[in-house]
Amino acid sequence: MQLVTLDQVVFGYTDAPTLNGVSLEIESGEFVGITGPNGASKSTLLKIMLGLLKPWEGKVALSPVNAQGKRLSVAYVPQQVASFNVGFPSTVLELVQSGRYPRGRWFKRLKAEDHEKIESALKMVDMWEYRHHKIGALSGGQKQKVCIARALATESDLLVLDEPATGMDYESRMGFYDFMAHQVREHHRSVVMVTHDHDEVGAQLDKTIHLEKGGSGGWRCLTLHSCNARFGLGD
């Protein structure tokens, strides 16, 4: 089933469009990479997909339900996370734990499985040893990793990640990409990820959405299979 659909979307921050005529489809159970040069409005595209920005023209549809007909759960981690100041009271562990609480049930007792998922998520981003540190005392890159861990711990139907591997070394990046592919293949989740490391992760992807300059201005969308065979091109 289609989770996300964009049809001839036009959007800009000034009087000129930065995205011009973008059309794409993201299916349930896909691992999708979004690529393009710096300044190609990749982060903007994610926000439009999620309804955080309203396009000037065109249509955007985000499915309200998952493939099982239940309410779609979405986890989004933006590229820069700077909202936690020095005085933020939560520890790393407490923040990631919050991703395991059902909606509206903040005082539910966590089970052994919950703690296992939390530990696994923090270890995946190399932040387990920082679990008792205050969020506000961490560097920007460490805060980013903690937010990714929380997103992983939620086990959402759709994970939307903006350059999640930034700051990771090669071994950590490859492990992270393998973990994301495992979430898609074995747990039937969907992952949409902005990346500059297509050469590293490309073989894992089901689809690549590449933003390139359009002839009439703004960025347009070129959609590729993981084998790099073209099958769709936005005008």
C-alpha atoms as a PDB file:
ATOM      1  CA  MET A   1       0.000   0.000   0.000  1.00  0.00           C
ATOM      2  CA  GLN A   2       1.079   3.599  -0.548  1.00  0.00           C
ATOM      3  CA  LEU A   3       2.148   5.382   2.621  1.00  0.00           C
ATOM      4  CA  VAL A   4       3.222   8.688   1.064  1.00  0.00           C
ATOM      5  CA  THR A   5       2.238  10.278  -2.251  1.00  0.00           C
ATOM      6  CA  LEU A   6       3.321  13.622  -3.681  1.00  0.00           C
ATOM      7  CA  ASP A   7       1.777  14.811  -6.934  1.00  0.00           C
ATOM      8  CA  GLN A   8       3.334  17.774  -8.782  1.00  0.00           C
ATOM      9  CA  VAL A   9       4.318  19.558  -5.572  1.00  0.00           C
ATOM     10  CA  VAL A  10       5.664  23.102  -5.756  1.00  0.00           C
ATOM     11  CA  PHE A  11       7.102  24.837  -2.697  1.00  0.00           C
ATOM     12  CA  GLY A  12       9.429  27.697  -1.842  1.00  0.00           C
ATOM     13  CA  TYR A  13      10.438  29.947   1.022  1.00  0.00           C
ATOM     14  CA  THR A  14      10.581  33.150  -1.042  1.00  0.00           C
ATOM     15  CA  ASP A  15       8.980  34.103  -4.344  1.00  0.00           C
ATOM     16  CA  ALA A  16      10.878  31.393  -6.240  1.00  0.00           C
ATOM     17  CA  PRO A  17      10.193  27.669  -5.811  1.00  0.00           C
ATOM     18  CA  THR A  18      12.836  25.439  -4.273  1.00  0.00           C
ATOM     19  CA  LEU A  19      10.880  22.297  -5.177  1.00  0.00           C
ATOM     20  CA  ASN A  20       9.164  22.423  -8.536  1.00  0.00           C
ATOM     21  CA  GLY A  21       6.891  19.694  -9.867  1.00  0.00           C
ATOM     22  CA  VAL A  22       7.943  16.920  -7.482  1.00  0.00           C
ATOM     23  CA  SER A  23       6.010  13.651  -7.707  1.00  0.00           C
ATOM     24  CA  LEU A  24       6.834  10.460  -5.827  1.00  0.00           C
ATOM     25  CA  GLU A  25       5.337   7.435  -4.107  1.00  0.00           C
ATOM     26  CA  ILE A  26       6.582   5.549  -1.057  1.00  0.00           C
ATOM     27  CA  GLU A  27       5.151   2.108  -0.432  1.00  0.00           C
ATOM     28  CA  SER A  28       4.745   0.293   2.860  1.00  0.00           C
ATOM     29  CA  GLY A  29       7.747  -1.902   3.634  1.00  0.00           C
ATOM     30  CA  GLU A  30      10.262   0.080   1.590  1.00  0.00           C
ATOM     31  CA  PHE A  31      13.733   1.306   2.511  1.00  0.00           C
ATOM     32  CA  VAL A  32      13.983   4.621   0.667  1.00  0.00           C
ATOM     33  CA  GLY A  33      16.996   6.885   0.370  1.00  0.00           C
ATOM     34  CA  ILE A  34      16.744  10.570  -0.541  1.00  0.00           C
ATOM     35  CA  THR A  35      19.870  11.983  -2.149  1.00  0.00           C
ATOM     36  CA  GLY A  36      21.020  15.155  -3.862  1.00  0.00           C
ATOM     37  CA  PRO A  37      23.681  17.844  -3.575  1.00  0.00           C
ATOM     38  CA  ASN A  38      23.867  20.302  -0.690  1.00  0.00           C
ATOM     39  CA  GLY A  39      21.037  22.801  -0.877  1.00  0.00           C
ATOM     40  CA  ALA A  40      18.776  20.443  -2.839  1.00  0.00           C
ATOM     41  CA  SER A  41      15.868  20.869  -0.381  1.00  0.00           C
ATOM     42  CA  LYS A  42      16.028  17.282   0.858  1.00  0.00           C
ATOM     43  CA  SER A  43      15.052  18.285   4.411  1.00  0.00           C
ATOM     44  CA  THR A  44      12.250  20.425   3.013  1.00  0.00           C
ATOM     45  CA  LEU A  45      10.956  17.426   1.078  1.00  0.00           C
ATOM     46  CA  LEU A  46      10.736  15.390   4.289  1.00  0.00           C
ATOM     47  CA  LYS A  47       8.775  18.140   6.041  1.00  0.00           C
ATOM     48  CA  ILE A  48       6.339  18.349   3.146  1.00  0.00           C
ATOM     49  CA  MET A  49       5.843  14.563   3.217  1.00  0.00           C
ATOM     50  CA  LEU A  50       4.963  14.744   6.908  1.00  0.00           C
ATOM     51  CA  GLY A  51       2.636  17.726   6.570  1.00  0.00           C
ATOM     52  CA  LEU A  52       4.949  20.059   8.490  1.00  0.00           C
ATOM     53  CA  LEU A  53       5.086  22.385   5.472  1.00  0.00           C
ATOM     54  CA  LYS A  54       2.203  23.128   3.128  1.00  0.00           C
ATOM     55  CA  PRO A  55       3.002  23.152  -0.609  1.00  0.00           C
ATOM     56  CA  TRP A  56       2.124  26.078  -2.837  1.00  0.00           C
ATOM     57  CA  GLU A  57       0.729  23.708  -5.430  1.00  0.00           C
ATOM     58  CA  GLY A  58       0.163  19.985  -5.819  1.00  0.00           C
ATOM     59  CA  LYS A  59      -1.130  17.280  -3.528  1.00  0.00           C
ATOM     60  CA  VAL A  60       0.408  15.471  -0.567  1.00  0.00           C
ATOM     61  CA  ALA A  61      -1.096  12.355   1.006  1.00  0.00           C
ATOM     62  CA  LEU A  62       0.182  10.553   4.113  1.00  0.00           C
ATOM     63  CA  SER A  63      -1.779   7.395   4.877  1.00  0.00           C
ATOM     64  CA  PRO A  64      -3.601   7.515   8.234  1.00  0.00           C
ATOM     65  CA  VAL A  65      -3.247   3.733   8.638  1.00  0.00           C
ATOM     66  CA  ASN A  66      -0.549   1.098   8.212  1.00  0.00           C
ATOM     67  CA  ALA A  67      -0.678  -2.079   6.117  1.00  0.00           C
ATOM     68  CA  GLN A  68      -2.612  -3.828   8.913  1.00  0.00           C
ATOM     69  CA  GLY A  69      -5.288  -1.135   8.966  1.00  0.00           C
ATOM     70  CA  LYS A  70      -4.187   0.260  12.321  1.00  0.00           C
ATOM     71  CA  ARG A  71      -3.320   3.882  13.016  1.00  0.00           C
ATOM     72  CA  LEU A  72      -0.025   4.756  11.321  1.00  0.00           C
ATOM     73  CA  SER A  73       2.757   5.613  13.761  1.00  0.00           C
ATOM     74  CA  VAL A  74       5.536   7.896  12.522  1.00  0.00           C
ATOM     75  CA  ALA A  75       8.907   8.767  14.053  1.00  0.00           C
ATOM     76  CA  TYR A  76      10.795  11.759  12.629  1.00  0.00           C
ATOM     77  CA  VAL A  77      14.315  12.868  13.487  1.00  0.00           C
ATOM     78  CA  PRO A  78      15.385  16.159  11.863  1.00  0.00           C
ATOM     79  CA  GLN A  79      18.955  16.861  10.843  1.00  0.00           C
ATOM     80  CA  GLN A  80      19.758  19.280  13.661  1.00  0.00           C
ATOM     81  CA  VAL A  81      18.401  18.778  17.163  1.00  0.00           C
ATOM     82  CA  ALA A  82      19.204  21.791  19.328  1.00  0.00           C
ATOM     83  CA  SER A  83      16.076  22.111  21.476  1.00  0.00           C
ATOM     84  CA  PHE A  84      17.633  20.585  24.608  1.00  0.00           C
ATOM     85  CA  ASN A  85      19.365  23.307  26.577  1.00  0.00           C
ATOM     86  CA  VAL A  86      21.806  22.836  29.432  1.00  0.00           C
ATOM     87  CA  GLY A  87      19.023  22.804  32.021  1.00  0.00           C
ATOM     88  CA  PHE A  88      16.939  20.090  30.333  1.00  0.00           C
ATOM     89  CA  PRO A  89      16.231  17.698  33.251  1.00  0.00           C
ATOM     90  CA  SER A  90      15.942  14.342  31.453  1.00  0.00           C
ATOM     91  CA  THR A  91      18.714  11.792  31.214  1.00  0.00           C
ATOM     92  CA  VAL A  92      19.496   9.964  27.985  1.00  0.00           C
ATOM     93  CA  LEU A  93      17.863   6.805  29.308  1.00  0.00           C
ATOM     94  CA  GLU A  94      14.697   8.593  30.420  1.00  0.00           C
ATOM     95  CA  LEU A  95      14.235  10.245  27.039  1.00  0.00           C
ATOM     96  CA  VAL A  96      14.648   7.008  25.100  1.00  0.00           C
ATOM     97  CA  GLN A  97      12.387   5.192  27.565  1.00  0.00           C
ATOM     98  CA  SER A  98       9.629   7.692  26.773  1.00  0.00           C
ATOM     99  CA  GLY A  99       9.502   6.228  23.276  1.00  0.00           C
ATOM    100  CA  ARG A 100       8.243   2.930  24.697  1.00  0.00           C
ATOM    101  CA  TYR A 101       5.198   4.348  26.471  1.00  0.00           C
ATOM    102  CA  PRO A 102       1.870   3.926  24.661  1.00  0.00           C
ATOM    103  CA  ARG A 103       0.050   7.147  23.779  1.00  0.00           C
ATOM    104  CA  GLY A 104      -1.416   8.691  26.924  1.00  0.00           C
ATOM    105  CA  ARG A 105       0.029   6.025  29.276  1.00  0.00           C
ATOM    106  CA  TRP A 106       3.130   7.726  30.666  1.00  0.00           C
ATOM    107  CA  PHE A 107       3.092   5.824  33.961  1.00  0.00           C
ATOM    108  CA  LYS A 108       2.845   2.339  32.490  1.00  0.00           C
ATOM    109  CA  ARG A 109       5.401  -0.057  33.915  1.00  0.00           C
ATOM    110  CA  LEU A 110       7.949  -1.031  31.290  1.00  0.00           C
ATOM    111  CA  LYS A 111       8.476  -4.739  30.628  1.00  0.00           C
ATOM    112  CA  ALA A 112      11.718  -6.642  30.105  1.00  0.00           C
ATOM    113  CA  GLU A 113      11.176  -6.444  26.331  1.00  0.00           C
ATOM    114  CA  ASP A 114      10.920  -2.647  26.552  1.00  0.00           C
ATOM    115  CA  HIS A 115      14.235  -2.417  28.381  1.00  0.00           C
ATOM    116  CA  GLU A 116      15.856  -4.706  25.813  1.00  0.00           C
ATOM    117  CA  LYS A 117      14.638  -2.500  22.950  1.00  0.00           C
ATOM    118  CA  ILE A 118      15.877   0.638  24.722  1.00  0.00           C
ATOM    119  CA  GLU A 119      19.315  -0.852  25.342  1.00  0.00           C
ATOM    120  CA  SER A 120      19.538  -2.114  21.762  1.00  0.00           C
ATOM    121  CA  ALA A 121      18.598   1.319  20.360  1.00  0.00           C
ATOM    122  CA  LEU A 122      21.188   3.157  22.455  1.00  0.00           C
ATOM    123  CA  LYS A 123      23.901   0.663  21.616  1.00  0.00           C
ATOM    124  CA  MET A 124      23.075   0.983  17.927  1.00  0.00           C
ATOM    125  CA  VAL A 125      24.040   4.669  18.047  1.00  0.00           C
ATOM    126  CA  ASP A 126      26.931   4.143  20.490  1.00  0.00           C
ATOM    127  CA  MET A 127      25.231   6.021  23.331  1.00  0.00           C
ATOM    128  CA  TRP A 128      24.604   3.273  25.889  1.00  0.00           C
ATOM    129  CA  GLU A 129      27.535   4.378  28.056  1.00  0.00           C
ATOM    130  CA  TYR A 130      25.981   7.861  28.232  1.00  0.00           C
ATOM    131  CA  ARG A 131      22.581   6.595  29.398  1.00  0.00           C
ATOM    132  CA  HIS A 132      22.752   8.336  32.789  1.00  0.00           C
ATOM    133  CA  HIS A 133      24.037  11.658  31.405  1.00  0.00           C
ATOM    134  CA  LYS A 134      21.761  14.695  31.217  1.00  0.00           C
ATOM    135  CA  ILE A 135      20.590  15.485  27.686  1.00  0.00           C
ATOM    136  CA  GLY A 136      21.485  19.162  28.017  1.00  0.00           C
ATOM    137  CA  ALA A 137      25.123  18.324  28.772  1.00  0.00           C
ATOM    138  CA  LEU A 138      25.667  16.445  25.514  1.00  0.00           C
ATOM    139  CA  SER A 139      27.152  17.760  22.289  1.00  0.00           C
ATOM    140  CA  GLY A 140      24.915  18.446  19.310  1.00  0.00           C
ATOM    141  CA  GLY A 141      25.982  15.230  17.605  1.00  0.00           C
ATOM    142  CA  GLN A 142      25.296  13.190  20.744  1.00  0.00           C
ATOM    143  CA  LYS A 143      21.827  14.739  21.101  1.00  0.00           C
ATOM    144  CA  GLN A 144      21.166  13.744  17.508  1.00  0.00           C
ATOM    145  CA  LYS A 145      22.130  10.145  18.242  1.00  0.00           C
ATOM    146  CA  VAL A 146      19.884  10.024  21.316  1.00  0.00           C
ATOM    147  CA  CYS A 147      16.917  11.273  19.287  1.00  0.00           C
ATOM    148  CA  ILE A 148      17.611   8.576  16.700  1.00  0.00           C
ATOM    149  CA  ALA A 149      17.718   5.989  19.487  1.00  0.00           C
ATOM    150  CA  ARG A 150      14.348   7.177  20.764  1.00  0.00           C
ATOM    151  CA  ALA A 151      12.901   6.896  17.263  1.00  0.00           C
ATOM    152  CA  LEU A 152      14.255   3.342  16.970  1.00  0.00           C
ATOM    153  CA  ALA A 153      12.840   2.435  20.386  1.00  0.00           C
ATOM    154  CA  THR A 154       9.322   3.486  19.355  1.00  0.00           C
ATOM    155  CA  GLU A 155       9.265   0.765  16.650  1.00  0.00           C
ATOM    156  CA  SER A 156       7.091   3.064  14.532  1.00  0.00           C
ATOM    157  CA  ASP A 157       5.586   1.963  11.222  1.00  0.00           C
ATOM    158  CA  LEU A 158       7.377   4.775   9.383  1.00  0.00           C
ATOM    159  CA  LEU A 159      10.826   6.086  10.321  1.00  0.00           C
ATOM    160  CA  VAL A 160      11.797   9.393   8.705  1.00  0.00           C
ATOM    161  CA  LEU A 161      15.444  10.244   9.312  1.00  0.00           C
ATOM    162  CA  ASP A 162      17.372  13.263   8.054  1.00  0.00           C
ATOM    163  CA  GLU A 163      21.065  12.325   7.610  1.00  0.00           C
ATOM    164  CA  PRO A 164      21.033  10.010  10.650  1.00  0.00           C
ATOM    165  CA  ALA A 165      24.565   8.658  10.105  1.00  0.00           C
ATOM    166  CA  THR A 166      26.270  12.061  10.301  1.00  0.00           C
ATOM    167  CA  GLY A 167      29.164  11.856  12.745  1.00  0.00           C
ATOM    168  CA  MET A 168      29.316   8.057  12.760  1.00  0.00           C
ATOM    169  CA  ASP A 169      32.478   6.268  11.677  1.00  0.00           C
ATOM    170  CA  TYR A 170      32.409   3.831   8.759  1.00  0.00           C
ATOM    171  CA  GLU A 171      31.834   0.708  10.855  1.00  0.00           C
ATOM    172  CA  SER A 172      29.012   2.368  12.805  1.00  0.00           C
ATOM    173  CA  ARG A 173      27.370   3.635   9.619  1.00  0.00           C
ATOM    174  CA  MET A 174      27.400   0.207   8.000  1.00  0.00           C
ATOM    175  CA  GLY A 175      25.977  -1.368  11.148  1.00  0.00           C
ATOM    176  CA  PHE A 176      23.263   1.284  11.262  1.00  0.00           C
ATOM    177  CA  TYR A 177      22.295   0.709   7.629  1.00  0.00           C
ATOM    178  CA  ASP A 178      22.170  -3.047   8.209  1.00  0.00           C
ATOM    179  CA  PHE A 179      19.938  -2.460  11.224  1.00  0.00           C
ATOM    180  CA  MET A 180      17.590  -0.249   9.210  1.00  0.00           C
ATOM    181  CA  ALA A 181      17.392  -2.862   6.442  1.00  0.00           C
ATOM    182  CA  HIS A 182      16.596  -5.476   9.088  1.00  0.00           C
ATOM    183  CA  GLN A 183      13.742  -3.309  10.399  1.00  0.00           C
ATOM    184  CA  VAL A 184      12.286  -3.187   6.892  1.00  0.00           C
ATOM    185  CA  ARG A 185      12.795  -6.821   5.883  1.00  0.00           C
ATOM    186  CA  GLU A 186      12.053  -8.604   9.149  1.00  0.00           C
ATOM    187  CA  HIS A 187       9.729  -6.212  10.982  1.00  0.00           C
ATOM    188  CA  HIS A 188       7.888  -4.794   7.952  1.00  0.00           C
ATOM    189  CA  ARG A 189       8.602  -1.181   8.809  1.00  0.00           C
ATOM    190  CA  SER A 190       9.184   1.597   6.298  1.00  0.00           C
ATOM    191  CA  VAL A 191      12.267   3.804   6.392  1.00  0.00           C
ATOM    192  CA  VAL A 192      12.800   7.086   4.542  1.00  0.00           C
ATOM    193  CA  MET A 193      16.304   8.452   5.019  1.00  0.00           C
ATOM    194  CA  VAL A 194      18.200  11.435   3.662  1.00  0.00           C
ATOM    195  CA  THR A 195      21.774  10.343   3.010  1.00  0.00           C
ATOM    196  CA  HIS A 196      25.029  11.486   1.423  1.00  0.00           C
ATOM    197  CA  ASP A 197      26.374   7.943   1.604  1.00  0.00           C
ATOM    198  CA  HIS A 198      24.545   6.356  -1.307  1.00  0.00           C
ATOM    199  CA  ASP A 199      27.610   4.365  -2.332  1.00  0.00           C
ATOM    200  CA  GLU A 200      27.593   2.708   1.096  1.00  0.00           C
ATOM    201  CA  VAL A 201      23.876   2.124   1.574  1.00  0.00           C
ATOM    202  CA  GLY A 202      22.648   1.923  -2.028  1.00  0.00           C
ATOM    203  CA  ALA A 203      22.617  -1.878  -2.184  1.00  0.00           C
ATOM    204  CA  GLN A 204      20.282  -1.974   0.836  1.00  0.00           C
ATOM    205  CA  LEU A 205      17.753   0.469  -0.608  1.00  0.00           C
ATOM    206  CA  ASP A 206      14.560  -0.486  -2.393  1.00  0.00           C
ATOM    207  CA  LYS A 207      14.281   2.960  -3.929  1.00  0.00           C
ATOM    208  CA  THR A 208      16.359   6.106  -4.282  1.00  0.00           C
ATOM    209  CA  ILE A 209      14.736   9.512  -4.683  1.00  0.00           C
ATOM    210  CA  HIS A 210      17.326  11.867  -6.147  1.00  0.00           C
ATOM    211  CA  LEU A 211      16.737  15.605  -6.299  1.00  0.00           C
ATOM    212  CA  GLU A 212      18.294  17.372  -9.267  1.00  0.00           C
ATOM    213  CA  LYS A 213      18.004  20.854 -10.759  1.00  0.00           C
ATOM    214  CA  GLY A 214      15.014  21.335 -13.028  1.00  0.00           C
ATOM    215  CA  GLY A 215      15.181  23.240 -16.268  1.00  0.00           C
ATOM    216  CA  SER A 216      12.576  25.754 -15.094  1.00  0.00           C
ATOM    217  CA  GLY A 217      14.155  26.362 -11.697  1.00  0.00           C
ATOM    218  CA  GLY A 218      13.844  24.550  -8.381  1.00  0.00           C
ATOM    219  CA  TRP A 219      14.617  20.920  -7.639  1.00  0.00           C
ATOM    220  CA  ARG A 220      12.775  18.059  -9.248  1.00  0.00           C
ATOM    221  CA  CYS A 221      12.614  14.388  -8.437  1.00  0.00           C
ATOM    222  CA  LEU A 222      14.262  11.429 -10.143  1.00  0.00           C
ATOM    223  CA  THR A 223      13.223   8.062  -8.719  1.00  0.00           C
ATOM    224  CA  LEU A 224      15.516   5.069  -9.083  1.00  0.00           C
ATOM    225  CA  HIS A 225      15.323   1.410  -8.149  1.00  0.00           C
ATOM    226  CA  SER A 226      18.138   0.026  -6.021  1.00  0.00           C
ATOM    227  CA  CYS A 227      19.638  -1.349  -9.238  1.00  0.00           C
ATOM    228  CA  ASN A 228      19.772   2.275 -10.508  1.00  0.00           C
ATOM    229  CA  ALA A 229      17.271   1.683 -13.314  1.00  0.00           C
ATOM    230  CA  ARG A 230      15.159   4.782 -13.974  1.00  0.00           C
ATOM    231  CA  PHE A 231      11.408   4.287 -13.767  1.00  0.00           C
ATOM    232  CA  GLY A 232       9.942   7.715 -13.043  1.00  0.00           C
ATOM    233  CA  LEU A 233      10.791  11.366 -13.619  1.00  0.00           C
ATOM    234  CA  GLY A 234       9.000  14.428 -12.314  1.00  0.00           C
ATOM    235  CA  ASP A 235       8.481  17.218 -14.838  1.00  0.00           C
END
